[in-house]
């Protein structure tokens, strides 16, 4: 068992239909309680030690991954901590749970998961992985516990550094036509030429890059460093998305864009869009400056 710690913040994380108990500990660990995770995969809380029961699914000779033993050890030794309201609890860092689910899915792929109960656990692990990308789980816990409000930029920068490339990639069209059609409709405008209105760039910064992957502006800050303003008009030499990695950054951007389009298609005006956007992305910042800029 790991050394006990104390929670300094706590909250509920709504994710894929689940409501998970999240805690931010004094030593910096961001954890989901062991009981919440057991509930997610549909395992009963009673019986033998929960960590042991979770690790049992990993203990199969067909599991060839080098880190299975290490992962199994972490799962059988959860983090012990004291919750804000007093009781002791056990939990795992969010990233550990994602790694656990991925290991279970690999075990299913090679036929190491057998039995109806174990296969059901594997299906729920798959749903959990889909619901939270590995790179975003820590930030999601931070938001649920309120830590995002005080988190330092450099911590976010380290968390999201895998989003950013060291060099530009070839230009590809990443923003679908539906996204720009949405902005024209919200502002009751019609296209008048090849180029979009200049304020579209501010709209994209505010609604796309600033909240991207719950980064609280950290990704945008790094993109600004890679692609600074180069012209008196405020223009830049490259498109921001040319600095996003193919593996993580671009897929996250695409997912976010379609989420924004979905929010926009459900409303009839700018005010309703902004209200819906704020509910979906509560860390999106103050809108007043952007409104004054148009």
Protein backbone atom coordinates (compact mmCIF):
# COMPACT_ATOMS: atom_id res chain seq x y z
CA UNK A 1 0.00 0.00 0.00
CA UNK A 2 1.30 3.45 -0.90
CA UNK A 3 1.87 6.10 1.77
CA UNK A 4 -1.31 7.88 2.78
CA UNK A 5 -1.97 11.42 1.55
CA UNK A 6 -4.63 14.06 2.09
CA UNK A 7 -7.11 15.47 -0.44
CA UNK A 8 -7.12 19.24 -0.83
CA UNK A 9 -9.89 19.39 -3.45
CA UNK A 10 -12.60 17.05 -4.58
CA UNK A 11 -15.40 16.93 -7.11
CA UNK A 12 -17.59 14.83 -9.37
CA UNK A 13 -16.60 14.10 -12.94
CA UNK A 14 -19.40 13.38 -15.41
CA UNK A 15 -17.90 11.17 -18.09
CA UNK A 16 -19.62 8.92 -20.59
CA UNK A 17 -22.71 8.53 -18.42
CA UNK A 18 -20.74 7.89 -15.22
CA UNK A 19 -20.31 10.14 -12.21
CA UNK A 20 -16.81 9.62 -10.83
CA UNK A 21 -15.44 10.73 -7.46
CA UNK A 22 -12.27 12.76 -8.10
CA UNK A 23 -9.73 14.14 -5.66
CA UNK A 24 -6.67 16.33 -5.93
CA UNK A 25 -4.16 15.35 -3.26
CA UNK A 26 -1.67 17.51 -1.41
CA UNK A 27 1.25 15.74 -3.13
CA UNK A 28 -0.08 16.68 -6.58
CA UNK A 29 -1.71 13.35 -7.47
CA UNK A 30 -5.07 13.57 -9.20
CA UNK A 31 -7.06 10.44 -8.51
CA UNK A 32 -10.34 8.71 -9.20
CA UNK A 33 -11.52 6.56 -6.30
CA UNK A 34 -11.11 2.83 -6.60
CA UNK A 35 -14.80 2.32 -5.90
CA UNK A 36 -15.82 4.69 -8.69
CA UNK A 37 -13.67 2.83 -11.19
CA UNK A 38 -14.99 -0.55 -10.06
CA UNK A 39 -18.49 0.83 -10.63
CA UNK A 40 -17.49 1.97 -14.12
CA UNK A 41 -16.49 -1.50 -15.27
CA UNK A 42 -19.43 -3.15 -13.54
CA UNK A 43 -17.52 -5.09 -10.90
CA UNK A 44 -19.23 -5.61 -7.54
CA UNK A 45 -17.66 -3.81 -4.59
CA UNK A 46 -17.97 -6.69 -2.11
CA UNK A 47 -15.81 -9.76 -1.72
CA UNK A 48 -12.01 -9.84 -1.93
CA UNK A 49 -9.73 -6.83 -2.01
CA UNK A 50 -10.77 -4.65 -4.96
CA UNK A 51 -7.21 -4.04 -6.14
CA UNK A 52 -6.51 -7.75 -6.15
CA UNK A 53 -9.68 -8.46 -8.12
CA UNK A 54 -8.85 -5.79 -10.69
CA UNK A 55 -5.31 -7.08 -11.09
CA UNK A 56 -6.53 -10.66 -11.56
CA UNK A 57 -7.70 -9.74 -15.06
CA UNK A 58 -4.09 -8.83 -15.92
CA UNK A 59 -2.49 -12.00 -14.57
CA UNK A 60 -2.56 -14.21 -17.64
CA UNK A 61 0.41 -15.85 -19.42
CA UNK A 62 -0.92 -14.57 -22.74
CA UNK A 63 -0.26 -11.01 -21.61
CA UNK A 64 3.10 -10.26 -23.21
CA UNK A 65 3.43 -6.53 -22.55
CA UNK A 66 6.56 -5.57 -20.61
CA UNK A 67 4.71 -3.29 -18.22
CA UNK A 68 1.96 -5.73 -17.15
CA UNK A 69 3.74 -6.72 -13.94
CA UNK A 70 4.39 -3.09 -13.08
CA UNK A 71 0.80 -2.13 -13.86
CA UNK A 72 -0.52 -5.06 -11.82
CA UNK A 73 1.60 -3.93 -8.87
CA UNK A 74 0.20 -0.40 -9.09
CA UNK A 75 -3.37 -1.70 -9.27
CA UNK A 76 -2.92 -3.94 -6.22
CA UNK A 77 -1.39 -1.02 -4.30
CA UNK A 78 -3.83 1.86 -4.72
CA UNK A 79 -3.16 5.32 -3.34
CA UNK A 80 -4.46 5.66 0.20
CA UNK A 81 -5.73 9.12 1.10
CA UNK A 82 -7.99 11.00 3.45
CA UNK A 83 -10.97 12.71 1.84
CA UNK A 84 -11.98 16.28 2.66
CA UNK A 85 -14.93 15.07 4.70
CA UNK A 86 -12.75 12.79 6.81
CA UNK A 87 -13.02 9.13 5.74
CA UNK A 88 -10.10 7.29 4.18
CA UNK A 89 -10.33 6.13 0.61
CA UNK A 90 -8.29 4.41 -2.08
CA UNK A 91 -7.76 5.61 -5.62
CA UNK A 92 -5.71 5.58 -8.80
CA UNK A 93 -4.29 8.36 -10.90
CA UNK A 94 -6.48 8.89 -13.95
CA UNK A 95 -3.71 7.94 -16.36
CA UNK A 96 -3.18 4.60 -14.59
CA UNK A 97 -6.83 3.72 -15.14
CA UNK A 98 -6.54 4.48 -18.84
CA UNK A 99 -3.45 2.24 -19.05
CA UNK A 100 -5.33 -0.49 -17.17
CA UNK A 101 -8.25 -0.33 -19.59
CA UNK A 102 -5.92 -0.46 -22.58
CA UNK A 103 -4.23 -3.54 -21.11
CA UNK A 104 -7.60 -5.24 -20.65
CA UNK A 105 -8.51 -4.48 -24.26
CA UNK A 106 -5.20 -5.95 -25.43
CA UNK A 107 -5.90 -9.03 -23.31
CA UNK A 108 -9.29 -9.40 -24.98
CA UNK A 109 -7.66 -9.06 -28.39
CA UNK A 110 -5.26 -11.97 -27.77
CA UNK A 111 -7.96 -14.14 -26.20
CA UNK A 112 -6.75 -13.78 -22.61
CA UNK A 113 -10.14 -12.54 -21.40
CA UNK A 114 -12.65 -15.35 -20.97
CA UNK A 115 -16.00 -15.69 -19.26
CA UNK A 116 -19.08 -13.51 -19.54
CA UNK A 117 -18.21 -11.33 -16.53
CA UNK A 118 -14.65 -10.63 -17.70
CA UNK A 119 -15.83 -9.85 -21.23
CA UNK A 120 -18.37 -7.44 -19.78
CA UNK A 121 -15.61 -5.71 -17.81
CA UNK A 122 -13.61 -5.43 -21.04
CA UNK A 123 -16.53 -3.79 -22.86
CA UNK A 124 -16.85 -1.23 -20.09
CA UNK A 125 -13.09 -0.60 -20.18
CA UNK A 126 -13.44 0.09 -23.90
CA UNK A 127 -16.22 2.59 -23.22
CA UNK A 128 -14.11 4.30 -20.57
CA UNK A 129 -11.13 4.69 -22.91
CA UNK A 130 -13.35 6.15 -25.60
CA UNK A 131 -14.87 8.59 -23.09
CA UNK A 132 -11.56 10.04 -21.95
CA UNK A 133 -8.45 10.42 -24.08
CA UNK A 134 -5.28 9.68 -22.12
CA UNK A 135 -3.88 13.15 -22.65
CA UNK A 136 -7.00 14.81 -21.24
CA UNK A 137 -7.88 12.75 -18.18
CA UNK A 138 -5.71 14.75 -15.74
CA UNK A 139 -7.19 18.04 -16.94
CA UNK A 140 -10.71 16.64 -16.62
CA UNK A 141 -10.04 15.69 -13.01
CA UNK A 142 -8.57 19.15 -12.42
CA UNK A 143 -11.77 20.75 -13.69
CA UNK A 144 -13.96 18.48 -11.57
CA UNK A 145 -12.02 19.34 -8.40
CA UNK A 146 -11.63 23.04 -9.19
CA UNK A 147 -7.87 22.81 -9.50
CA UNK A 148 -7.95 24.14 -13.05
CA UNK A 149 -8.68 27.59 -11.66
CA UNK A 150 -5.31 27.79 -9.91
CA UNK A 151 -3.15 25.46 -11.98
CA UNK A 152 0.04 27.04 -13.26
CA UNK A 153 0.59 27.42 -17.01
CA UNK A 154 3.88 25.55 -17.03
CA UNK A 155 2.16 22.48 -15.55
CA UNK A 156 -0.40 22.56 -18.34
CA UNK A 157 2.35 23.10 -20.89
CA UNK A 158 4.08 19.90 -19.79
CA UNK A 159 0.79 18.02 -19.81
CA UNK A 160 -0.06 19.02 -23.38
CA UNK A 161 3.38 19.13 -24.98
CA UNK A 162 2.56 16.03 -27.05
CA UNK A 163 0.04 18.13 -28.97
CA UNK A 164 2.72 20.33 -30.53
CA UNK A 165 5.18 19.54 -33.32
CA UNK A 166 8.69 20.96 -33.45
CA UNK A 167 8.24 21.80 -37.13
CA UNK A 168 5.32 22.59 -39.40
CA UNK A 169 3.58 19.88 -41.35
CA UNK A 170 2.16 20.19 -44.84
CA UNK A 171 -0.98 22.28 -45.05
CA UNK A 172 -4.22 20.36 -45.03
CA UNK A 173 -7.76 21.59 -44.69
CA UNK A 174 -8.69 20.88 -41.08
CA UNK A 175 -11.61 23.29 -40.61
CA UNK A 176 -14.72 21.93 -42.38
CA UNK A 177 -16.98 24.25 -44.36
CA UNK A 178 -19.74 23.68 -41.80
CA UNK A 179 -17.64 25.45 -39.18
CA UNK A 180 -17.38 28.68 -41.17
CA UNK A 181 -21.01 28.44 -42.25
CA UNK A 182 -21.87 28.35 -38.55
CA UNK A 183 -19.99 31.59 -37.83
CA UNK A 184 -21.65 33.38 -40.75
CA UNK A 185 -25.05 32.28 -39.51
CA UNK A 186 -24.42 33.25 -35.88
CA UNK A 187 -23.36 36.75 -36.94
CA UNK A 188 -26.02 37.04 -39.64
CA UNK A 189 -23.40 37.57 -42.35
CA UNK A 190 -22.89 36.36 -45.90
CA UNK A 191 -19.57 35.50 -47.55
CA UNK A 192 -18.35 38.42 -49.66
CA UNK A 193 -15.15 37.05 -51.15
CA UNK A 194 -12.42 34.46 -50.90
CA UNK A 195 -11.25 35.52 -47.45
CA UNK A 196 -13.30 35.33 -44.28
CA UNK A 197 -13.75 38.43 -42.06
CA UNK A 198 -10.74 39.13 -39.88
CA UNK A 199 -12.61 38.59 -36.61
CA UNK A 200 -13.07 34.92 -37.54
CA UNK A 201 -9.50 34.45 -36.31
CA UNK A 202 -10.44 35.75 -32.86
CA UNK A 203 -13.51 33.51 -32.85
CA UNK A 204 -11.30 30.49 -33.58
CA UNK A 205 -8.80 31.41 -30.87
CA UNK A 206 -11.56 31.79 -28.29
CA UNK A 207 -13.84 28.88 -29.14
CA UNK A 208 -11.34 26.39 -30.59
CA UNK A 209 -7.72 26.73 -29.52
CA UNK A 210 -8.11 28.21 -26.04
CA UNK A 211 -10.34 25.41 -24.64
CA UNK A 212 -8.87 22.64 -26.81
CA UNK A 213 -8.54 19.40 -24.79
CA UNK A 214 -9.35 21.27 -21.55
CA UNK A 215 -5.89 22.84 -21.76
CA UNK A 216 -7.04 26.19 -20.32
CA UNK A 217 -5.07 28.09 -22.96
CA UNK A 218 -1.83 26.11 -22.62
CA UNK A 219 -1.99 24.65 -26.14
CA UNK A 220 -2.78 28.07 -27.61
CA UNK A 221 0.15 29.58 -25.73
CA UNK A 222 2.53 27.04 -27.25
CA UNK A 223 1.07 27.53 -30.71
CA UNK A 224 1.59 31.30 -30.39
CA UNK A 225 5.25 30.66 -29.61
CA UNK A 226 5.65 28.37 -32.63
CA UNK A 227 3.70 30.64 -34.96
CA UNK A 228 3.98 34.26 -33.78
CA UNK A 229 2.36 37.29 -35.43
CA UNK A 230 4.52 38.15 -38.44
CA UNK A 231 2.67 40.98 -40.20
CA UNK A 232 1.40 44.41 -39.20
CA UNK A 233 -2.12 43.25 -39.99
CA UNK A 234 -1.81 40.68 -37.21
CA UNK A 235 -1.39 37.77 -39.60
CA UNK A 236 0.89 34.78 -39.14
CA UNK A 237 3.04 32.87 -41.62
CA UNK A 238 1.33 29.53 -41.04
CA UNK A 239 -1.96 28.02 -39.96
CA UNK A 240 -2.02 27.13 -36.27
CA UNK A 241 -3.13 23.58 -36.96
CA UNK A 242 0.03 22.95 -38.99
CA UNK A 243 1.87 22.69 -35.65
CA UNK A 244 -0.43 20.03 -34.18
CA UNK A 245 0.81 16.45 -34.05
CA UNK A 246 -0.88 13.91 -36.30
CA UNK A 247 -1.23 11.38 -33.48
CA UNK A 248 -2.85 13.54 -30.79
CA UNK A 249 -3.22 17.19 -31.73
CA UNK A 250 -5.06 16.89 -35.05
CA UNK A 251 -7.58 14.25 -33.89
CA UNK A 252 -8.34 16.36 -30.80
CA UNK A 253 -8.84 19.44 -32.99
CA UNK A 254 -11.22 17.60 -35.32
CA UNK A 255 -13.24 16.23 -32.43
CA UNK A 256 -13.46 19.67 -30.85
CA UNK A 257 -14.51 21.35 -34.11
CA UNK A 258 -17.41 18.98 -34.61
CA UNK A 259 -18.45 19.48 -31.01
CA UNK A 260 -18.52 23.24 -31.59
CA UNK A 261 -20.51 22.72 -34.79
CA UNK A 262 -22.94 20.49 -32.90
CA UNK A 263 -23.45 23.18 -30.25
CA UNK A 264 -23.97 25.79 -32.97
CA UNK A 265 -26.49 23.70 -34.88
CA UNK A 266 -28.60 23.34 -31.73
CA UNK A 267 -29.09 27.10 -31.22
CA UNK A 268 -30.47 30.02 -33.20
CA UNK A 269 -28.31 32.98 -32.15
CA UNK A 270 -24.93 34.09 -30.77
CA UNK A 271 -26.14 34.49 -27.19
CA UNK A 272 -27.57 30.97 -27.04
CA UNK A 273 -24.42 29.59 -28.66
CA UNK A 274 -22.18 31.27 -26.10
CA UNK A 275 -24.34 30.07 -23.21
CA UNK A 276 -24.30 26.48 -24.50
CA UNK A 277 -20.57 26.68 -25.16
CA UNK A 278 -19.88 27.90 -21.62
CA UNK A 279 -21.85 24.97 -20.21
CA UNK A 280 -19.80 22.53 -22.29
CA UNK A 281 -16.48 24.34 -21.64
CA UNK A 282 -16.74 26.18 -18.31
CA UNK A 283 -13.05 27.20 -18.46
CA UNK A 284 -13.48 29.05 -21.78
CA UNK A 285 -12.80 32.47 -20.28
CA UNK A 286 -14.38 35.91 -20.48
CA UNK A 287 -16.32 36.67 -23.64
CA UNK A 288 -16.60 40.46 -23.23
CA UNK A 289 -13.35 41.40 -25.00
CA UNK A 290 -14.18 39.22 -27.98
CA UNK A 291 -17.64 40.76 -28.37
CA UNK A 292 -16.19 44.27 -28.31
CA UNK A 293 -13.74 43.26 -31.02
CA UNK A 294 -16.46 42.61 -33.58
